[in-house]
Amino acid sequence: MGTAAAETAKDFVRIAANAGLAKEVITLLGRKAALLTEQVAALESESAHLKVENANLKTQLKLLSREGEELSRDTIKILKLFFDRASDLSTEEILKSSNLKPSVADYHIDVLLKKKLLRETTVGMQTLFGSSVPKFGLTSLGRRYVLENTIN
């Protein structure tokens, strides 16, 4: 595109020279054409930079809103529970604070894990001596989401 603009500017000066205009006018037009060529190059450079920045922002947006999946009201309530408690929670602890069925709570936890708003902090295990349940904790992205998207 820059080459085409530069050629157009040169054509403009050639036409002026062939039209019999005074040398001073032709010189002035040449300077203006050179200035326009520089401005076009600067604009093209800025355009390329903005295209890269736009692509980066689109990537970030996709990461924050994977598959167009928005957080449901119940998912946000669970996320806010982690925020308010400021500690790791198990599914059982979440169930005690909500009226959800275990499979529904697991679904919401899965959504929050997928979006990296929660992380698994303790892996559940079962041994001959007993068992432990998995626990989950809020990530920095999860805290940010709560602060930016909820009131109280």
N, C-alpha and C. Protein backbone atom coordinates (compact mmCIF):
# COMPACT_ATOMS: atom_id res chain seq x y z
N MET A 1 0.82 -1.18 0.00
CA MET A 1 0.00 0.00 0.00
C MET A 1 0.87 1.25 0.00
N GLY A 2 1.98 1.24 0.76
CA GLY A 2 2.88 2.38 0.82
C GLY A 2 3.50 2.69 -0.52
N THR A 3 3.85 1.66 -1.25
CA THR A 3 4.45 1.85 -2.56
C THR A 3 3.47 2.52 -3.50
N ALA A 4 2.22 2.11 -3.46
CA ALA A 4 1.20 2.71 -4.33
C ALA A 4 1.01 4.18 -3.99
N ALA A 5 1.00 4.51 -2.69
CA ALA A 5 0.84 5.91 -2.28
C ALA A 5 2.05 6.73 -2.71
N ALA A 6 3.24 6.17 -2.59
CA ALA A 6 4.46 6.88 -3.01
C ALA A 6 4.45 7.11 -4.51
N GLU A 7 4.02 6.11 -5.26
CA GLU A 7 3.95 6.26 -6.73
C GLU A 7 2.92 7.32 -7.12
N THR A 8 1.82 7.36 -6.42
CA THR A 8 0.79 8.38 -6.70
C THR A 8 1.35 9.77 -6.44
N ALA A 9 2.10 9.93 -5.36
CA ALA A 9 2.70 11.22 -5.04
C ALA A 9 3.71 11.62 -6.11
N LYS A 10 4.52 10.66 -6.60
CA LYS A 10 5.48 10.95 -7.67
C LYS A 10 4.77 11.32 -8.96
N ASP A 11 3.68 10.62 -9.25
CA ASP A 11 2.88 10.94 -10.44
C ASP A 11 2.34 12.36 -10.35
N PHE A 12 1.93 12.73 -9.16
CA PHE A 12 1.40 14.07 -8.94
C PHE A 12 2.45 15.13 -9.30
N VAL A 13 3.69 14.91 -8.88
CA VAL A 13 4.78 15.85 -9.18
C VAL A 13 5.08 15.84 -10.67
N ARG A 14 5.11 14.66 -11.31
CA ARG A 14 5.36 14.57 -12.76
C ARG A 14 4.30 15.31 -13.57
N ILE A 15 3.05 15.14 -13.17
CA ILE A 15 1.96 15.82 -13.88
C ILE A 15 2.13 17.33 -13.75
N ALA A 16 2.49 17.78 -12.55
CA ALA A 16 2.69 19.22 -12.33
C ALA A 16 3.84 19.74 -13.18
N ALA A 17 4.92 18.96 -13.29
CA ALA A 17 6.07 19.38 -14.09
C ALA A 17 5.70 19.46 -15.57
N ASN A 18 4.93 18.51 -16.05
CA ASN A 18 4.53 18.49 -17.47
C ASN A 18 3.45 19.52 -17.78
N ALA A 19 2.79 20.03 -16.75
CA ALA A 19 1.75 21.02 -16.97
C ALA A 19 2.32 22.42 -17.15
N GLY A 20 3.61 22.53 -17.02
CA GLY A 20 4.25 23.82 -17.24
C GLY A 20 4.17 24.75 -16.04
N LEU A 21 4.08 24.23 -14.86
CA LEU A 21 4.05 25.07 -13.67
C LEU A 21 5.46 25.58 -13.37
N ALA A 22 5.52 26.66 -12.63
CA ALA A 22 6.81 27.26 -12.28
C ALA A 22 7.63 26.29 -11.44
N LYS A 23 8.97 26.41 -11.56
CA LYS A 23 9.90 25.52 -10.86
C LYS A 23 9.67 25.55 -9.34
N GLU A 24 9.37 26.73 -8.79
CA GLU A 24 9.14 26.84 -7.35
C GLU A 24 7.91 26.03 -6.93
N VAL A 25 6.88 26.08 -7.75
CA VAL A 25 5.65 25.34 -7.45
C VAL A 25 5.93 23.84 -7.52
N ILE A 26 6.69 23.42 -8.52
CA ILE A 26 7.02 22.00 -8.68
C ILE A 26 7.86 21.52 -7.50
N THR A 27 8.83 22.34 -7.07
CA THR A 27 9.67 21.99 -5.92
C THR A 27 8.81 21.86 -4.66
N LEU A 28 7.91 22.80 -4.46
CA LEU A 28 7.01 22.77 -3.30
C LEU A 28 6.13 21.51 -3.34
N LEU A 29 5.60 21.20 -4.51
CA LEU A 29 4.78 20.00 -4.65
C LEU A 29 5.60 18.73 -4.37
N GLY A 30 6.85 18.74 -4.80
CA GLY A 30 7.73 17.60 -4.53
C GLY A 30 7.94 17.39 -3.04
N ARG A 31 8.15 18.51 -2.32
CA ARG A 31 8.33 18.42 -0.87
C ARG A 31 7.06 17.90 -0.19
N LYS A 32 5.92 18.42 -0.65
CA LYS A 32 4.64 17.98 -0.08
C LYS A 32 4.40 16.50 -0.37
N ALA A 33 4.78 16.05 -1.56
CA ALA A 33 4.62 14.64 -1.91
C ALA A 33 5.51 13.77 -1.03
N ALA A 34 6.74 14.22 -0.77
CA ALA A 34 7.64 13.47 0.11
C ALA A 34 7.08 13.40 1.52
N LEU A 35 6.52 14.51 1.99
CA LEU A 35 5.91 14.55 3.31
C LEU A 35 4.73 13.59 3.39
N LEU A 36 3.91 13.58 2.36
CA LEU A 36 2.78 12.65 2.32
C LEU A 36 3.25 11.20 2.34
N THR A 37 4.32 10.91 1.62
CA THR A 37 4.87 9.56 1.59
C THR A 37 5.33 9.14 2.98
N GLU A 38 5.99 10.05 3.71
CA GLU A 38 6.42 9.76 5.08
C GLU A 38 5.23 9.52 5.99
N GLN A 39 4.21 10.35 5.83
CA GLN A 39 3.02 10.20 6.66
C GLN A 39 2.31 8.87 6.40
N VAL A 40 2.25 8.47 5.13
CA VAL A 40 1.64 7.19 4.78
C VAL A 40 2.42 6.05 5.43
N ALA A 41 3.74 6.12 5.37
CA ALA A 41 4.58 5.08 5.98
C ALA A 41 4.34 5.01 7.49
N ALA A 42 4.25 6.17 8.14
CA ALA A 42 4.00 6.20 9.58
C ALA A 42 2.64 5.61 9.91
N LEU A 43 1.63 5.95 9.11
CA LEU A 43 0.29 5.42 9.34
C LEU A 43 0.23 3.91 9.12
N GLU A 44 0.95 3.43 8.12
CA GLU A 44 0.99 1.99 7.87
C GLU A 44 1.68 1.25 9.01
N SER A 45 2.74 1.85 9.54
CA SER A 45 3.43 1.25 10.68
C SER A 45 2.51 1.19 11.90
N GLU A 46 1.81 2.29 12.15
CA GLU A 46 0.87 2.33 13.27
C GLU A 46 -0.25 1.32 13.06
N SER A 47 -0.73 1.20 11.84
CA SER A 47 -1.79 0.25 11.52
C SER A 47 -1.33 -1.18 11.80
N ALA A 48 -0.11 -1.51 11.39
CA ALA A 48 0.43 -2.85 11.63
C ALA A 48 0.54 -3.12 13.14
N HIS A 49 1.01 -2.12 13.89
CA HIS A 49 1.12 -2.25 15.34
C HIS A 49 -0.26 -2.48 15.96
N LEU A 50 -1.26 -1.72 15.52
CA LEU A 50 -2.61 -1.86 16.07
C LEU A 50 -3.23 -3.21 15.71
N LYS A 51 -2.91 -3.74 14.54
CA LYS A 51 -3.41 -5.06 14.16
C LYS A 51 -2.85 -6.13 15.08
N VAL A 52 -1.57 -6.03 15.41
CA VAL A 52 -0.95 -6.99 16.33
C VAL A 52 -1.57 -6.85 17.72
N GLU A 53 -1.74 -5.62 18.18
CA GLU A 53 -2.34 -5.38 19.49
C GLU A 53 -3.77 -5.91 19.53
N ASN A 54 -4.52 -5.69 18.46
CA ASN A 54 -5.89 -6.17 18.36
C ASN A 54 -5.93 -7.70 18.45
N ALA A 55 -5.03 -8.36 17.74
CA ALA A 55 -4.98 -9.83 17.77
C ALA A 55 -4.67 -10.32 19.19
N ASN A 56 -3.75 -9.65 19.88
CA ASN A 56 -3.42 -10.02 21.26
C ASN A 56 -4.62 -9.84 22.19
N LEU A 57 -5.34 -8.75 22.02
CA LEU A 57 -6.52 -8.51 22.86
C LEU A 57 -7.62 -9.53 22.59
N LYS A 58 -7.77 -9.92 21.33
CA LYS A 58 -8.77 -10.95 21.01
C LYS A 58 -8.40 -12.27 21.66
N THR A 59 -7.11 -12.59 21.69
CA THR A 59 -6.65 -13.82 22.34
C THR A 59 -6.94 -13.76 23.83
N GLN A 60 -6.66 -12.64 24.46
CA GLN A 60 -6.92 -12.49 25.89
C GLN A 60 -8.41 -12.61 26.18
N LEU A 61 -9.22 -12.02 25.32
CA LEU A 61 -10.67 -12.08 25.50
C LEU A 61 -11.17 -13.52 25.40
N LYS A 62 -10.62 -14.28 24.47
CA LYS A 62 -11.02 -15.69 24.33
C LYS A 62 -10.63 -16.48 25.57
N LEU A 63 -9.48 -16.18 26.15
CA LEU A 63 -9.05 -16.87 27.36
C LEU A 63 -9.98 -16.58 28.53
N LEU A 64 -10.46 -15.36 28.62
CA LEU A 64 -11.34 -14.98 29.72
C LEU A 64 -12.76 -15.50 29.52
N SER A 65 -13.16 -15.67 28.29
CA SER A 65 -14.52 -16.11 27.99
C SER A 65 -14.48 -17.32 27.08
N ARG A 66 -13.89 -18.39 27.54
CA ARG A 66 -13.76 -19.61 26.73
C ARG A 66 -15.12 -20.10 26.29
N GLU A 67 -15.19 -20.43 25.02
CA GLU A 67 -16.36 -21.02 24.40
C GLU A 67 -17.61 -20.20 24.65
N GLY A 68 -17.46 -18.91 24.88
CA GLY A 68 -18.61 -18.05 25.11
C GLY A 68 -19.39 -18.38 26.37
N GLU A 69 -18.82 -19.20 27.23
CA GLU A 69 -19.50 -19.66 28.43
C GLU A 69 -19.40 -18.61 29.52
N GLU A 70 -20.51 -18.00 29.85
CA GLU A 70 -20.54 -17.02 30.92
C GLU A 70 -20.80 -17.75 32.24
N LEU A 71 -20.40 -17.15 33.32
CA LEU A 71 -20.63 -17.77 34.62
C LEU A 71 -22.09 -17.61 35.03
N SER A 72 -22.68 -18.71 35.46
CA SER A 72 -24.07 -18.66 35.93
C SER A 72 -24.11 -18.05 37.32
N ARG A 73 -25.31 -17.75 37.76
CA ARG A 73 -25.49 -17.16 39.08
C ARG A 73 -24.96 -18.09 40.18
N ASP A 74 -25.25 -19.40 40.05
CA ASP A 74 -24.77 -20.35 41.06
C ASP A 74 -23.25 -20.49 41.03
N THR A 75 -22.66 -20.46 39.85
CA THR A 75 -21.20 -20.55 39.74
C THR A 75 -20.57 -19.33 40.41
N ILE A 76 -21.15 -18.18 40.20
CA ILE A 76 -20.64 -16.95 40.83
C ILE A 76 -20.80 -17.02 42.35
N LYS A 77 -21.91 -17.60 42.82
CA LYS A 77 -22.10 -17.74 44.27
C LYS A 77 -21.01 -18.61 44.89
N ILE A 78 -20.67 -19.70 44.20
CA ILE A 78 -19.60 -20.57 44.71
C ILE A 78 -18.27 -19.84 44.70
N LEU A 79 -17.99 -19.13 43.62
CA LEU A 79 -16.74 -18.36 43.54
C LEU A 79 -16.68 -17.34 44.67
N LYS A 80 -17.80 -16.65 44.93
CA LYS A 80 -17.84 -15.65 45.98
C LYS A 80 -17.69 -16.30 47.36
N LEU A 81 -18.18 -17.52 47.53
CA LEU A 81 -18.00 -18.25 48.78
C LEU A 81 -16.51 -18.45 49.07
N PHE A 82 -15.76 -18.85 48.05
CA PHE A 82 -14.30 -18.98 48.22
C PHE A 82 -13.68 -17.64 48.60
N PHE A 83 -14.14 -16.58 47.94
CA PHE A 83 -13.60 -15.24 48.20
C PHE A 83 -13.90 -14.82 49.64
N ASP A 84 -15.16 -15.01 50.07
CA ASP A 84 -15.57 -14.58 51.41
C ASP A 84 -14.87 -15.40 52.50
N ARG A 85 -14.70 -16.68 52.28
CA ARG A 85 -14.05 -17.54 53.28
C ARG A 85 -12.54 -17.37 53.30
N ALA A 86 -11.98 -17.00 52.17
CA ALA A 86 -10.52 -16.81 52.04
C ALA A 86 -9.75 -18.05 52.49
N SER A 87 -10.30 -19.22 52.15
CA SER A 87 -9.61 -20.46 52.47
C SER A 87 -9.99 -21.52 51.46
N ASP A 88 -9.25 -22.61 51.48
CA ASP A 88 -9.56 -23.72 50.59
C ASP A 88 -10.83 -24.41 51.09
N LEU A 89 -11.62 -24.91 50.14
CA LEU A 89 -12.88 -25.58 50.48
C LEU A 89 -13.00 -26.89 49.73
N SER A 90 -13.67 -27.84 50.37
CA SER A 90 -13.99 -29.11 49.71
C SER A 90 -15.40 -29.01 49.13
N THR A 91 -15.75 -29.97 48.32
CA THR A 91 -17.11 -30.00 47.77
C THR A 91 -18.13 -30.10 48.91
N GLU A 92 -17.81 -30.90 49.92
CA GLU A 92 -18.72 -31.05 51.06
C GLU A 92 -18.96 -29.71 51.77
N GLU A 93 -17.91 -28.93 51.92
CA GLU A 93 -18.05 -27.61 52.56
C GLU A 93 -18.90 -26.67 51.71
N ILE A 94 -18.76 -26.79 50.40
CA ILE A 94 -19.58 -25.97 49.49
C ILE A 94 -21.04 -26.40 49.62
N LEU A 95 -21.29 -27.70 49.69
CA LEU A 95 -22.66 -28.21 49.81
C LEU A 95 -23.33 -27.73 51.09
N LYS A 96 -22.56 -27.63 52.18
CA LYS A 96 -23.12 -27.15 53.45
C LYS A 96 -23.56 -25.69 53.35
N SER A 97 -22.95 -24.93 52.45
CA SER A 97 -23.25 -23.50 52.31
C SER A 97 -24.23 -23.22 51.17
N SER A 98 -24.73 -24.26 50.53
CA SER A 98 -25.65 -24.06 49.41
C SER A 98 -26.72 -25.13 49.41
N ASN A 99 -27.68 -24.99 48.56
CA ASN A 99 -28.75 -25.98 48.42
C ASN A 99 -28.53 -26.83 47.17
N LEU A 100 -27.31 -26.97 46.75
CA LEU A 100 -27.02 -27.69 45.50
C LEU A 100 -26.84 -29.18 45.74
N LYS A 101 -27.13 -29.95 44.72
CA LYS A 101 -26.85 -31.38 44.74
C LYS A 101 -25.36 -31.56 44.47
N PRO A 102 -24.77 -32.64 44.96
CA PRO A 102 -23.32 -32.84 44.77
C PRO A 102 -22.88 -32.79 43.31
N SER A 103 -23.64 -33.39 42.41
CA SER A 103 -23.23 -33.38 40.99
C SER A 103 -23.31 -31.97 40.39
N VAL A 104 -24.25 -31.17 40.87
CA VAL A 104 -24.37 -29.78 40.39
C VAL A 104 -23.20 -28.96 40.92
N ALA A 105 -22.85 -29.16 42.17
CA ALA A 105 -21.69 -28.45 42.74
C ALA A 105 -20.42 -28.84 41.99
N ASP A 106 -20.29 -30.14 41.68
CA ASP A 106 -19.12 -30.60 40.91
C ASP A 106 -19.06 -29.92 39.54
N TYR A 107 -20.23 -29.75 38.92
CA TYR A 107 -20.28 -29.07 37.62
C TYR A 107 -19.73 -27.64 37.75
N HIS A 108 -20.21 -26.91 38.74
CA HIS A 108 -19.76 -25.52 38.92
C HIS A 108 -18.27 -25.44 39.24
N ILE A 109 -17.79 -26.39 40.04
CA ILE A 109 -16.35 -26.45 40.33
C ILE A 109 -15.57 -26.71 39.04
N ASP A 110 -16.07 -27.62 38.21
CA ASP A 110 -15.41 -27.91 36.92
C ASP A 110 -15.32 -26.65 36.05
N VAL A 111 -16.40 -25.87 36.01
CA VAL A 111 -16.41 -24.62 35.23
C VAL A 111 -15.35 -23.67 35.76
N LEU A 112 -15.28 -23.53 37.07
CA LEU A 112 -14.32 -22.61 37.68
C LEU A 112 -12.88 -23.08 37.50
N LEU A 113 -12.67 -24.39 37.54
CA LEU A 113 -11.33 -24.93 37.28
C LEU A 113 -10.93 -24.68 35.83
N LYS A 114 -11.85 -24.92 34.91
CA LYS A 114 -11.57 -24.75 33.48
C LYS A 114 -11.21 -23.30 33.17
N LYS A 115 -11.87 -22.38 33.83
CA LYS A 115 -11.60 -20.96 33.60
C LYS A 115 -10.43 -20.45 34.43
N LYS A 116 -9.82 -21.36 35.19
CA LYS A 116 -8.66 -21.05 36.02
C LYS A 116 -8.98 -20.01 37.09
N LEU A 117 -10.24 -20.01 37.55
CA LEU A 117 -10.64 -19.15 38.65
C LEU A 117 -10.46 -19.88 39.99
N LEU A 118 -10.43 -21.22 39.93
CA LEU A 118 -10.10 -22.07 41.07
C LEU A 118 -8.96 -22.99 40.68
N ARG A 119 -8.28 -23.53 41.70
CA ARG A 119 -7.26 -24.55 41.47
C ARG A 119 -7.43 -25.62 42.53
N GLU A 120 -7.05 -26.82 42.20
CA GLU A 120 -7.11 -27.90 43.19
C GLU A 120 -5.88 -27.76 44.08
N THR A 121 -6.13 -27.63 45.38
CA THR A 121 -5.01 -27.42 46.32
C THR A 121 -4.64 -28.69 47.07
N THR A 122 -5.61 -29.59 47.25
CA THR A 122 -5.36 -30.87 47.92
C THR A 122 -6.03 -31.95 47.09
N VAL A 123 -5.27 -32.94 46.73
CA VAL A 123 -5.81 -34.04 45.93
C VAL A 123 -6.49 -35.03 46.87
N GLY A 124 -7.69 -35.45 46.52
CA GLY A 124 -8.40 -36.44 47.32
C GLY A 124 -7.76 -37.82 47.16
N MET A 125 -7.63 -38.54 48.27
CA MET A 125 -7.02 -39.88 48.23
C MET A 125 -7.78 -40.83 49.12
N GLN A 126 -7.70 -42.08 48.76
CA GLN A 126 -8.27 -43.11 49.61
C GLN A 126 -7.19 -44.17 49.83
N THR A 127 -6.92 -44.46 51.07
CA THR A 127 -5.91 -45.45 51.42
C THR A 127 -6.51 -46.44 52.40
N LEU A 128 -5.72 -47.42 52.82
CA LEU A 128 -6.17 -48.38 53.82
C LEU A 128 -6.42 -47.71 55.17
N PHE A 129 -5.77 -46.57 55.39
CA PHE A 129 -5.86 -45.89 56.67
C PHE A 129 -6.91 -44.79 56.71
N GLY A 130 -7.58 -44.56 55.61
CA GLY A 130 -8.60 -43.51 55.57
C GLY A 130 -8.61 -42.81 54.23
N SER A 131 -9.32 -41.72 54.19
CA SER A 131 -9.40 -40.98 52.94
C SER A 131 -9.39 -39.48 53.20
N SER A 132 -9.07 -38.76 52.18
CA SER A 132 -9.12 -37.30 52.24
C SER A 132 -9.87 -36.81 51.00
N VAL A 133 -10.53 -35.71 51.15
CA VAL A 133 -11.31 -35.16 50.04
C VAL A 133 -10.48 -34.09 49.33
N PRO A 134 -10.75 -33.90 48.03
CA PRO A 134 -10.03 -32.82 47.35
C PRO A 134 -10.51 -31.47 47.87
N LYS A 135 -9.59 -30.53 47.87
CA LYS A 135 -9.93 -29.16 48.26
C LYS A 135 -9.52 -28.24 47.12
N PHE A 136 -10.21 -27.14 47.06
CA PHE A 136 -9.99 -26.17 45.99
C PHE A 136 -9.74 -24.80 46.60
N GLY A 137 -8.98 -23.99 45.87
CA GLY A 137 -8.69 -22.64 46.34
C GLY A 137 -8.83 -21.64 45.22
N LEU A 138 -9.06 -20.42 45.61
CA LEU A 138 -9.23 -19.32 44.68
C LEU A 138 -7.89 -18.93 44.06
N THR A 139 -7.85 -18.68 42.77
CA THR A 139 -6.64 -18.18 42.12
C THR A 139 -6.67 -16.66 42.12
N SER A 140 -5.58 -16.05 41.74
CA SER A 140 -5.56 -14.58 41.66
C SER A 140 -6.56 -14.10 40.61
N LEU A 141 -6.71 -14.86 39.54
CA LEU A 141 -7.70 -14.50 38.52
C LEU A 141 -9.12 -14.59 39.09
N GLY A 142 -9.35 -15.59 39.96
CA GLY A 142 -10.65 -15.73 40.61
C GLY A 142 -10.96 -14.55 41.53
N ARG A 143 -9.95 -14.14 42.31
CA ARG A 143 -10.14 -12.96 43.19
C ARG A 143 -10.44 -11.72 42.36
N ARG A 144 -9.70 -11.58 41.28
CA ARG A 144 -9.91 -10.42 40.39
C ARG A 144 -11.32 -10.44 39.81
N TYR A 145 -11.77 -11.63 39.38
CA TYR A 145 -13.11 -11.73 38.81
C TYR A 145 -14.16 -11.28 39.82
N VAL A 146 -14.04 -11.75 41.07
CA VAL A 146 -15.02 -11.39 42.10
C VAL A 146 -15.00 -9.88 42.33
N LEU A 147 -13.83 -9.31 42.46
CA LEU A 147 -13.73 -7.88 42.72
C LEU A 147 -14.29 -7.03 41.57
N GLU A 148 -14.09 -7.48 40.35
CA GLU A 148 -14.51 -6.69 39.20
C GLU A 148 -15.95 -6.97 38.75
N ASN A 149 -16.53 -8.09 39.20
CA ASN A 149 -17.84 -8.48 38.66
C ASN A 149 -18.95 -8.68 39.69
N THR A 150 -18.66 -8.49 40.94
CA THR A 150 -19.72 -8.65 41.94
C THR A 150 -19.74 -7.45 42.86
N ILE A 151 -20.88 -7.26 43.48
CA ILE A 151 -21.02 -6.19 44.47
C ILE A 151 -21.17 -6.87 45.82
N ASN A 152 -20.36 -6.45 46.77
CA ASN A 152 -20.32 -7.05 48.12
C ASN A 152 -19.86 -8.45 47.98
